[in-house]
Amino acid sequence: MYRDGEMIAELEGAGTTTEPQDYTYTDQYVIPGRTYTYVLADVDLQGKETKHPEVEVEVEVKAEDGVDIDHTIGNAYPNPFNPQTVVPLNLATPADVRAFLYDLSGRMIRELYNAPLSAGSHDLKIDASDLSTGIYLLQIRMNDAVHVQKIALMK
C-alpha cells in the first residue's frame, strides 16, 4: 500500500485467484482536510510489482469522532529493522519536536531530532548502523505530548 508515492504498509494478499478480492486498510496517520493518494500494488513470486489505479481520498473528521487532530505519530517501519527505520509524523499545526533513543536500561543513546517542524507529513529517519542488535526505546516529544515505542534492531 502506497500513500502519496511512499510505501506505508504491506497487506496480506489472497494469493493466485480468479475471483475478485477486496482489501481494506485504515490509515491512522493522516491530517484532516488534506487529500491523499493511495495505490495498491501486487507483488508476484518473482518480485515484480504491479501498481493498481490510484485513488484520491480527502480526510474528513468531525468533532464527535474524538480524534486528536493536532498530530499523529506512526509506528516505526520496518520494525524490526536493519539498519534504518522511519517513523511517520503528521502535524496539523507546527510543533516543536524532539526525539531520543534509549536502551532498555533507560540510558539515552542519542538525541535524534530537536527542531520545529511545519504542519504536514514528515518522516523521522533513524540510522542505527553503528548500534548493536537489540531492543531500543524511541521517545518523541511534540509540544506537550510524549510518545514512546519499542524498536528492534536486528543485524
N, C-alpha and C. Protein backbone atom coordinates (compact mmCIF):
# COMPACT_ATOMS: atom_id res chain seq x y z
N MET A 1 0.85 -1.16 0.00
CA MET A 1 0.00 0.00 0.00
C MET A 1 0.90 1.23 0.00
N TYR A 2 0.63 2.13 -0.93
CA TYR A 2 1.38 3.38 -1.03
C TYR A 2 0.46 4.55 -0.72
N ARG A 3 1.00 5.56 -0.03
CA ARG A 3 0.29 6.82 0.18
C ARG A 3 1.21 7.91 -0.35
N ASP A 4 0.70 8.67 -1.30
CA ASP A 4 1.45 9.77 -1.90
C ASP A 4 2.84 9.32 -2.36
N GLY A 5 2.91 8.14 -2.96
CA GLY A 5 4.15 7.64 -3.54
C GLY A 5 5.08 6.91 -2.60
N GLU A 6 4.78 6.86 -1.30
CA GLU A 6 5.63 6.17 -0.34
C GLU A 6 4.92 4.95 0.22
N MET A 7 5.64 3.83 0.31
CA MET A 7 5.04 2.62 0.86
C MET A 7 4.78 2.83 2.35
N ILE A 8 3.54 2.54 2.78
CA ILE A 8 3.18 2.72 4.20
C ILE A 8 2.79 1.42 4.87
N ALA A 9 2.49 0.38 4.09
CA ALA A 9 2.05 -0.87 4.72
C ALA A 9 2.14 -2.01 3.72
N GLU A 10 2.27 -3.21 4.25
CA GLU A 10 2.18 -4.43 3.45
C GLU A 10 0.93 -5.16 3.90
N LEU A 11 0.07 -5.47 2.94
CA LEU A 11 -1.17 -6.18 3.24
C LEU A 11 -1.03 -7.63 2.82
N GLU A 12 -1.67 -8.52 3.56
CA GLU A 12 -1.67 -9.94 3.21
C GLU A 12 -2.52 -10.14 1.97
N GLY A 13 -1.95 -10.73 0.93
CA GLY A 13 -2.67 -10.97 -0.31
C GLY A 13 -3.49 -12.25 -0.26
N ALA A 14 -4.36 -12.40 -1.22
CA ALA A 14 -5.22 -13.58 -1.30
C ALA A 14 -4.59 -14.69 -2.13
N GLY A 15 -3.38 -14.46 -2.63
CA GLY A 15 -2.74 -15.47 -3.45
C GLY A 15 -3.28 -15.45 -4.87
N THR A 16 -2.95 -16.48 -5.62
CA THR A 16 -3.40 -16.57 -7.01
C THR A 16 -4.86 -17.01 -7.04
N THR A 17 -5.70 -16.18 -7.62
CA THR A 17 -7.13 -16.48 -7.69
C THR A 17 -7.74 -15.75 -8.87
N THR A 18 -8.80 -16.31 -9.41
CA THR A 18 -9.52 -15.62 -10.49
C THR A 18 -10.71 -14.84 -9.96
N GLU A 19 -10.98 -14.98 -8.66
CA GLU A 19 -12.09 -14.28 -8.03
C GLU A 19 -11.66 -12.86 -7.64
N PRO A 20 -12.55 -11.89 -7.81
CA PRO A 20 -12.23 -10.52 -7.36
C PRO A 20 -12.00 -10.50 -5.85
N GLN A 21 -11.06 -9.68 -5.40
CA GLN A 21 -10.73 -9.57 -3.98
C GLN A 21 -10.91 -8.13 -3.51
N ASP A 22 -11.36 -7.96 -2.30
CA ASP A 22 -11.47 -6.65 -1.68
C ASP A 22 -10.42 -6.54 -0.58
N TYR A 23 -9.75 -5.39 -0.52
CA TYR A 23 -8.75 -5.15 0.51
C TYR A 23 -9.12 -3.87 1.25
N THR A 24 -8.89 -3.88 2.55
CA THR A 24 -9.20 -2.73 3.38
C THR A 24 -7.96 -2.34 4.17
N TYR A 25 -7.71 -1.05 4.25
CA TYR A 25 -6.61 -0.54 5.07
C TYR A 25 -7.07 0.75 5.73
N THR A 26 -6.88 0.86 7.04
CA THR A 26 -7.22 2.07 7.76
C THR A 26 -5.93 2.82 8.06
N ASP A 27 -5.79 3.98 7.47
CA ASP A 27 -4.61 4.82 7.67
C ASP A 27 -4.88 5.73 8.85
N GLN A 28 -4.21 5.47 9.95
CA GLN A 28 -4.45 6.23 11.17
C GLN A 28 -3.55 7.45 11.28
N TYR A 29 -2.72 7.69 10.28
CA TYR A 29 -1.74 8.77 10.37
C TYR A 29 -1.95 9.78 9.26
N VAL A 30 -3.11 10.42 9.30
CA VAL A 30 -3.46 11.43 8.30
C VAL A 30 -3.90 12.70 9.00
N ILE A 31 -3.91 13.78 8.26
CA ILE A 31 -4.31 15.07 8.79
C ILE A 31 -5.64 15.45 8.17
N PRO A 32 -6.63 15.80 8.99
CA PRO A 32 -7.94 16.19 8.44
C PRO A 32 -7.82 17.37 7.49
N GLY A 33 -8.62 17.31 6.42
CA GLY A 33 -8.64 18.37 5.43
C GLY A 33 -7.66 18.18 4.30
N ARG A 34 -6.72 17.28 4.43
CA ARG A 34 -5.75 17.01 3.36
C ARG A 34 -6.28 15.92 2.45
N THR A 35 -5.80 15.92 1.23
CA THR A 35 -6.14 14.88 0.27
C THR A 35 -4.91 14.00 0.06
N TYR A 36 -5.12 12.70 0.15
CA TYR A 36 -4.04 11.73 -0.01
C TYR A 36 -4.35 10.84 -1.21
N THR A 37 -3.31 10.37 -1.86
CA THR A 37 -3.46 9.45 -2.98
C THR A 37 -2.93 8.08 -2.55
N TYR A 38 -3.77 7.06 -2.69
CA TYR A 38 -3.41 5.70 -2.30
C TYR A 38 -3.32 4.81 -3.53
N VAL A 39 -2.35 3.90 -3.49
CA VAL A 39 -2.16 2.94 -4.58
C VAL A 39 -1.91 1.57 -3.95
N LEU A 40 -2.67 0.58 -4.42
CA LEU A 40 -2.47 -0.80 -4.01
C LEU A 40 -1.61 -1.47 -5.07
N ALA A 41 -0.66 -2.28 -4.63
CA ALA A 41 0.24 -2.95 -5.57
C ALA A 41 0.29 -4.44 -5.27
N ASP A 42 0.41 -5.25 -6.33
CA ASP A 42 0.62 -6.69 -6.21
C ASP A 42 2.09 -6.97 -6.44
N VAL A 43 2.62 -7.97 -5.74
CA VAL A 43 3.99 -8.43 -5.98
C VAL A 43 3.90 -9.92 -6.29
N ASP A 44 4.40 -10.32 -7.48
CA ASP A 44 4.31 -11.73 -7.84
C ASP A 44 5.48 -12.51 -7.25
N LEU A 45 5.51 -13.81 -7.49
CA LEU A 45 6.53 -14.68 -6.90
C LEU A 45 7.94 -14.35 -7.36
N GLN A 46 8.08 -13.68 -8.50
CA GLN A 46 9.39 -13.27 -8.98
C GLN A 46 9.79 -11.89 -8.45
N GLY A 47 8.91 -11.27 -7.67
CA GLY A 47 9.21 -9.97 -7.09
C GLY A 47 8.79 -8.79 -7.94
N LYS A 48 8.10 -9.05 -9.06
CA LYS A 48 7.65 -7.97 -9.93
C LYS A 48 6.43 -7.30 -9.31
N GLU A 49 6.48 -5.96 -9.23
CA GLU A 49 5.40 -5.20 -8.63
C GLU A 49 4.50 -4.61 -9.71
N THR A 50 3.20 -4.75 -9.53
CA THR A 50 2.20 -4.16 -10.42
C THR A 50 1.32 -3.24 -9.60
N LYS A 51 1.34 -1.94 -9.93
CA LYS A 51 0.53 -0.98 -9.19
C LYS A 51 -0.83 -0.84 -9.86
N HIS A 52 -1.87 -0.74 -9.01
CA HIS A 52 -3.24 -0.58 -9.49
C HIS A 52 -3.58 0.90 -9.57
N PRO A 53 -4.69 1.25 -10.20
CA PRO A 53 -5.04 2.68 -10.33
C PRO A 53 -5.12 3.37 -8.97
N GLU A 54 -4.65 4.62 -8.95
CA GLU A 54 -4.64 5.36 -7.69
C GLU A 54 -6.03 5.87 -7.33
N VAL A 55 -6.22 6.06 -6.03
CA VAL A 55 -7.49 6.56 -5.51
C VAL A 55 -7.17 7.76 -4.62
N GLU A 56 -7.85 8.89 -4.86
CA GLU A 56 -7.67 10.06 -4.01
C GLU A 56 -8.72 10.07 -2.92
N VAL A 57 -8.29 10.38 -1.69
CA VAL A 57 -9.18 10.41 -0.55
C VAL A 57 -8.93 11.70 0.22
N GLU A 58 -10.00 12.45 0.50
CA GLU A 58 -9.88 13.62 1.37
C GLU A 58 -10.29 13.19 2.76
N VAL A 59 -9.47 13.51 3.74
CA VAL A 59 -9.73 13.11 5.11
C VAL A 59 -10.66 14.12 5.76
N GLU A 60 -11.75 13.62 6.29
CA GLU A 60 -12.73 14.46 6.97
C GLU A 60 -12.95 13.90 8.37
N VAL A 61 -12.80 14.75 9.36
CA VAL A 61 -13.00 14.34 10.75
C VAL A 61 -14.01 15.30 11.38
N LYS A 62 -14.99 14.75 12.02
CA LYS A 62 -15.99 15.55 12.72
C LYS A 62 -15.62 15.60 14.19
N ALA A 63 -16.01 16.65 14.87
CA ALA A 63 -15.67 16.81 16.29
C ALA A 63 -16.12 15.61 17.11
N GLU A 64 -17.26 15.03 16.76
CA GLU A 64 -17.76 13.90 17.55
C GLU A 64 -16.98 12.61 17.34
N ASP A 65 -16.05 12.59 16.36
CA ASP A 65 -15.23 11.40 16.12
C ASP A 65 -14.21 11.18 17.23
N GLY A 66 -13.93 12.22 18.02
CA GLY A 66 -12.99 12.07 19.14
C GLY A 66 -11.57 11.83 18.69
N VAL A 67 -11.16 12.40 17.58
CA VAL A 67 -9.81 12.21 17.04
C VAL A 67 -8.95 13.40 17.42
N ASP A 68 -7.72 13.12 17.86
CA ASP A 68 -6.77 14.20 18.14
C ASP A 68 -6.24 14.69 16.80
N ILE A 69 -6.65 15.89 16.41
CA ILE A 69 -6.27 16.36 15.08
C ILE A 69 -5.00 17.20 15.08
N ASP A 70 -4.36 17.40 16.25
CA ASP A 70 -3.13 18.18 16.27
C ASP A 70 -1.97 17.44 15.62
N HIS A 71 -1.83 16.15 15.94
CA HIS A 71 -0.72 15.39 15.37
C HIS A 71 -0.96 13.89 15.53
N THR A 72 -0.26 13.14 14.70
CA THR A 72 -0.23 11.69 14.86
C THR A 72 1.22 11.24 14.68
N ILE A 73 1.59 10.22 15.42
CA ILE A 73 2.91 9.63 15.33
C ILE A 73 2.70 8.17 14.96
N GLY A 74 3.20 7.78 13.81
CA GLY A 74 3.03 6.41 13.36
C GLY A 74 4.03 5.47 13.99
N ASN A 75 3.83 4.18 13.77
CA ASN A 75 4.77 3.18 14.23
C ASN A 75 5.96 3.12 13.28
N ALA A 76 7.12 2.85 13.85
CA ALA A 76 8.32 2.73 13.04
C ALA A 76 8.15 1.59 12.04
N TYR A 77 8.60 1.81 10.81
CA TYR A 77 8.57 0.76 9.80
C TYR A 77 9.83 0.84 8.96
N PRO A 78 10.44 -0.25 8.63
CA PRO A 78 10.12 -1.59 9.15
C PRO A 78 10.53 -1.69 10.62
N ASN A 79 9.96 -2.62 11.31
CA ASN A 79 10.30 -2.89 12.69
C ASN A 79 9.99 -4.35 12.97
N PRO A 80 10.99 -5.19 13.14
CA PRO A 80 12.42 -4.97 13.28
C PRO A 80 13.04 -4.38 12.00
N PHE A 81 14.22 -3.76 12.18
CA PHE A 81 14.87 -3.09 11.08
C PHE A 81 16.36 -3.36 11.08
N ASN A 82 17.02 -3.06 9.95
CA ASN A 82 18.47 -3.21 9.82
C ASN A 82 18.94 -2.41 8.62
N PRO A 83 19.69 -1.39 8.75
CA PRO A 83 19.96 -0.61 9.96
C PRO A 83 19.11 0.65 10.06
N GLN A 84 18.14 0.83 9.13
CA GLN A 84 17.36 2.07 9.15
C GLN A 84 15.87 1.79 9.30
N THR A 85 15.18 2.72 9.97
CA THR A 85 13.74 2.67 10.11
C THR A 85 13.21 4.09 10.00
N VAL A 86 11.91 4.21 9.77
CA VAL A 86 11.28 5.51 9.58
C VAL A 86 10.04 5.59 10.47
N VAL A 87 9.84 6.75 11.09
CA VAL A 87 8.64 7.00 11.89
C VAL A 87 7.88 8.15 11.23
N PRO A 88 6.65 7.89 10.76
CA PRO A 88 5.87 8.97 10.14
C PRO A 88 5.29 9.91 11.19
N LEU A 89 5.44 11.20 10.95
CA LEU A 89 4.89 12.23 11.83
C LEU A 89 3.95 13.09 10.98
N ASN A 90 2.74 13.28 11.44
CA ASN A 90 1.77 14.12 10.74
C ASN A 90 1.30 15.21 11.68
N LEU A 91 1.50 16.46 11.27
CA LEU A 91 1.18 17.60 12.11
C LEU A 91 0.12 18.46 11.44
N ALA A 92 -0.95 18.75 12.18
CA ALA A 92 -1.97 19.66 11.67
C ALA A 92 -1.52 21.11 11.84
N THR A 93 -0.67 21.34 12.84
CA THR A 93 -0.12 22.67 13.10
C THR A 93 1.38 22.51 13.36
N PRO A 94 2.16 23.58 13.23
CA PRO A 94 3.60 23.47 13.53
C PRO A 94 3.81 23.00 14.98
N ALA A 95 4.93 22.30 15.21
CA ALA A 95 5.21 21.78 16.55
C ALA A 95 6.72 21.73 16.78
N ASP A 96 7.09 21.88 18.05
CA ASP A 96 8.48 21.65 18.44
C ASP A 96 8.63 20.15 18.67
N VAL A 97 9.57 19.53 17.97
CA VAL A 97 9.73 18.08 18.02
C VAL A 97 11.11 17.73 18.53
N ARG A 98 11.14 16.82 19.50
CA ARG A 98 12.40 16.27 20.00
C ARG A 98 12.26 14.75 20.01
N ALA A 99 13.28 14.06 19.57
CA ALA A 99 13.26 12.60 19.55
C ALA A 99 14.57 12.07 20.15
N PHE A 100 14.43 11.03 20.98
CA PHE A 100 15.57 10.44 21.67
C PHE A 100 15.52 8.93 21.53
N LEU A 101 16.68 8.31 21.53
CA LEU A 101 16.79 6.86 21.50
C LEU A 101 17.41 6.40 22.82
N TYR A 102 16.74 5.44 23.50
CA TYR A 102 17.20 4.92 24.78
C TYR A 102 17.42 3.42 24.68
N ASP A 103 18.35 2.89 25.51
CA ASP A 103 18.43 1.44 25.63
C ASP A 103 17.42 1.00 26.68
N LEU A 104 17.29 -0.30 26.88
CA LEU A 104 16.25 -0.80 27.80
C LEU A 104 16.53 -0.48 29.27
N SER A 105 17.75 -0.10 29.59
CA SER A 105 18.04 0.29 30.98
C SER A 105 17.71 1.76 31.23
N GLY A 106 17.25 2.45 30.19
CA GLY A 106 16.86 3.85 30.33
C GLY A 106 17.96 4.84 30.04
N ARG A 107 19.11 4.35 29.58
CA ARG A 107 20.24 5.23 29.24
C ARG A 107 20.01 5.82 27.86
N MET A 108 20.12 7.16 27.77
CA MET A 108 19.93 7.79 26.47
C MET A 108 21.13 7.47 25.57
N ILE A 109 20.83 6.92 24.39
CA ILE A 109 21.87 6.58 23.43
C ILE A 109 22.22 7.82 22.59
N ARG A 110 21.17 8.52 22.12
CA ARG A 110 21.41 9.73 21.34
C ARG A 110 20.13 10.54 21.17
N GLU A 111 20.33 11.81 20.92
CA GLU A 111 19.23 12.67 20.53
C GLU A 111 19.14 12.56 19.01
N LEU A 112 17.95 12.22 18.51
CA LEU A 112 17.75 12.00 17.08
C LEU A 112 17.30 13.26 16.35
N TYR A 113 16.53 14.08 17.05
CA TYR A 113 15.99 15.26 16.39
C TYR A 113 15.62 16.29 17.44
N ASN A 114 15.86 17.58 17.13
CA ASN A 114 15.50 18.65 18.05
C ASN A 114 15.33 19.93 17.25
N ALA A 115 14.11 20.16 16.75
CA ALA A 115 13.84 21.35 15.94
C ALA A 115 12.35 21.48 15.72
N PRO A 116 11.90 22.66 15.35
CA PRO A 116 10.48 22.81 15.00
C PRO A 116 10.20 22.17 13.64
N LEU A 117 8.98 21.68 13.49
CA LEU A 117 8.53 21.13 12.21
C LEU A 117 7.28 21.88 11.78
N SER A 118 7.15 22.10 10.50
CA SER A 118 5.96 22.76 9.96
C SER A 118 4.80 21.77 9.90
N ALA A 119 3.60 22.30 9.73
CA ALA A 119 2.44 21.43 9.56
C ALA A 119 2.64 20.58 8.31
N GLY A 120 2.15 19.36 8.35
CA GLY A 120 2.27 18.46 7.21
C GLY A 120 2.82 17.11 7.61
N SER A 121 3.17 16.31 6.61
CA SER A 121 3.70 14.97 6.83
C SER A 121 5.22 15.00 6.79
N HIS A 122 5.83 14.32 7.75
CA HIS A 122 7.29 14.26 7.84
C HIS A 122 7.69 12.84 8.17
N ASP A 123 8.90 12.47 7.82
CA ASP A 123 9.46 11.16 8.16
C ASP A 123 10.68 11.37 9.05
N LEU A 124 10.64 10.80 10.25
CA LEU A 124 11.79 10.80 11.14
C LEU A 124 12.59 9.56 10.79
N LYS A 125 13.76 9.76 10.17
CA LYS A 125 14.59 8.63 9.74
C LYS A 125 15.62 8.33 10.82
N ILE A 126 15.73 7.06 11.15
CA ILE A 126 16.65 6.62 12.19
C ILE A 126 17.66 5.67 11.56
N ASP A 127 18.94 6.01 11.67
CA ASP A 127 20.02 5.16 11.17
C ASP A 127 20.76 4.60 12.38
N ALA A 128 20.70 3.29 12.55
CA ALA A 128 21.32 2.64 13.70
C ALA A 128 22.47 1.74 13.27
N SER A 129 23.13 2.10 12.17
CA SER A 129 24.19 1.24 11.64
C SER A 129 25.36 1.10 12.61
N ASP A 130 25.53 2.04 13.54
CA ASP A 130 26.63 1.98 14.50
C ASP A 130 26.20 1.35 15.84
N LEU A 131 24.97 0.87 15.94
CA LEU A 131 24.49 0.28 17.19
C LEU A 131 24.46 -1.23 17.13
N SER A 132 24.39 -1.86 18.29
CA SER A 132 24.33 -3.32 18.39
C SER A 132 22.89 -3.80 18.24
N THR A 133 22.75 -5.05 17.83
CA THR A 133 21.44 -5.68 17.79
C THR A 133 20.79 -5.56 19.16
N GLY A 134 19.49 -5.24 19.17
CA GLY A 134 18.80 -5.15 20.45
C GLY A 134 17.50 -4.39 20.35
N ILE A 135 16.83 -4.27 21.48
CA ILE A 135 15.58 -3.53 21.60
C ILE A 135 15.91 -2.14 22.14
N TYR A 136 15.34 -1.15 21.52
CA TYR A 136 15.55 0.24 21.93
C TYR A 136 14.20 0.91 22.14
N LEU A 137 14.20 1.97 22.93
CA LEU A 137 13.00 2.77 23.15
C LEU A 137 13.17 4.10 22.42
N LEU A 138 12.19 4.42 21.62
CA LEU A 138 12.17 5.67 20.89
C LEU A 138 11.18 6.60 21.59
N GLN A 139 11.65 7.75 22.04
CA GLN A 139 10.77 8.72 22.68
C GLN A 139 10.67 9.94 21.78
N ILE A 140 9.43 10.33 21.46
CA ILE A 140 9.19 11.51 20.64
C ILE A 140 8.34 12.48 21.44
N ARG A 141 8.81 13.71 21.57
CA ARG A 141 8.07 14.76 22.27
C ARG A 141 7.62 15.79 21.24
N MET A 142 6.33 16.05 21.21
CA MET A 142 5.75 17.06 20.33
C MET A 142 4.97 18.03 21.18
N ASN A 143 5.47 19.26 21.27
CA ASN A 143 4.86 20.24 22.16
C ASN A 143 4.73 19.63 23.55
N ASP A 144 3.54 19.39 24.06
CA ASP A 144 3.37 18.84 25.41
C ASP A 144 3.13 17.34 25.43
N ALA A 145 3.05 16.69 24.29
CA ALA A 145 2.76 15.26 24.23
C ALA A 145 4.06 14.45 24.16
N VAL A 146 4.04 13.27 24.79
CA VAL A 146 5.19 12.36 24.76
C VAL A 146 4.71 11.00 24.26
N HIS A 147 5.43 10.45 23.30
CA HIS A 147 5.09 9.16 22.71
C HIS A 147 6.33 8.27 22.80
N VAL A 148 6.15 7.02 23.26
CA VAL A 148 7.27 6.08 23.36
C VAL A 148 6.87 4.79 22.64
N GLN A 149 7.81 4.26 21.87
CA GLN A 149 7.58 2.96 21.23
C GLN A 149 8.88 2.17 21.20
N LYS A 150 8.72 0.82 21.20
CA LYS A 150 9.87 -0.07 21.10
C LYS A 150 10.23 -0.27 19.64
N ILE A 151 11.53 -0.27 19.38
CA ILE A 151 12.00 -0.62 18.05
C ILE A 151 13.10 -1.67 18.21
N ALA A 152 13.18 -2.59 17.26
CA ALA A 152 14.13 -3.69 17.36
C ALA A 152 15.10 -3.65 16.20
N LEU A 153 16.39 -3.54 16.54
CA LEU A 153 17.46 -3.58 15.55
C LEU A 153 17.97 -5.00 15.47
N MET A 154 17.91 -5.58 14.27
CA MET A 154 18.36 -6.97 14.07
C MET A 154 19.38 -6.97 12.94
N LYS A 155 20.64 -7.20 13.31
CA LYS A 155 21.72 -7.22 12.30
C LYS A 155 22.01 -8.65 11.90
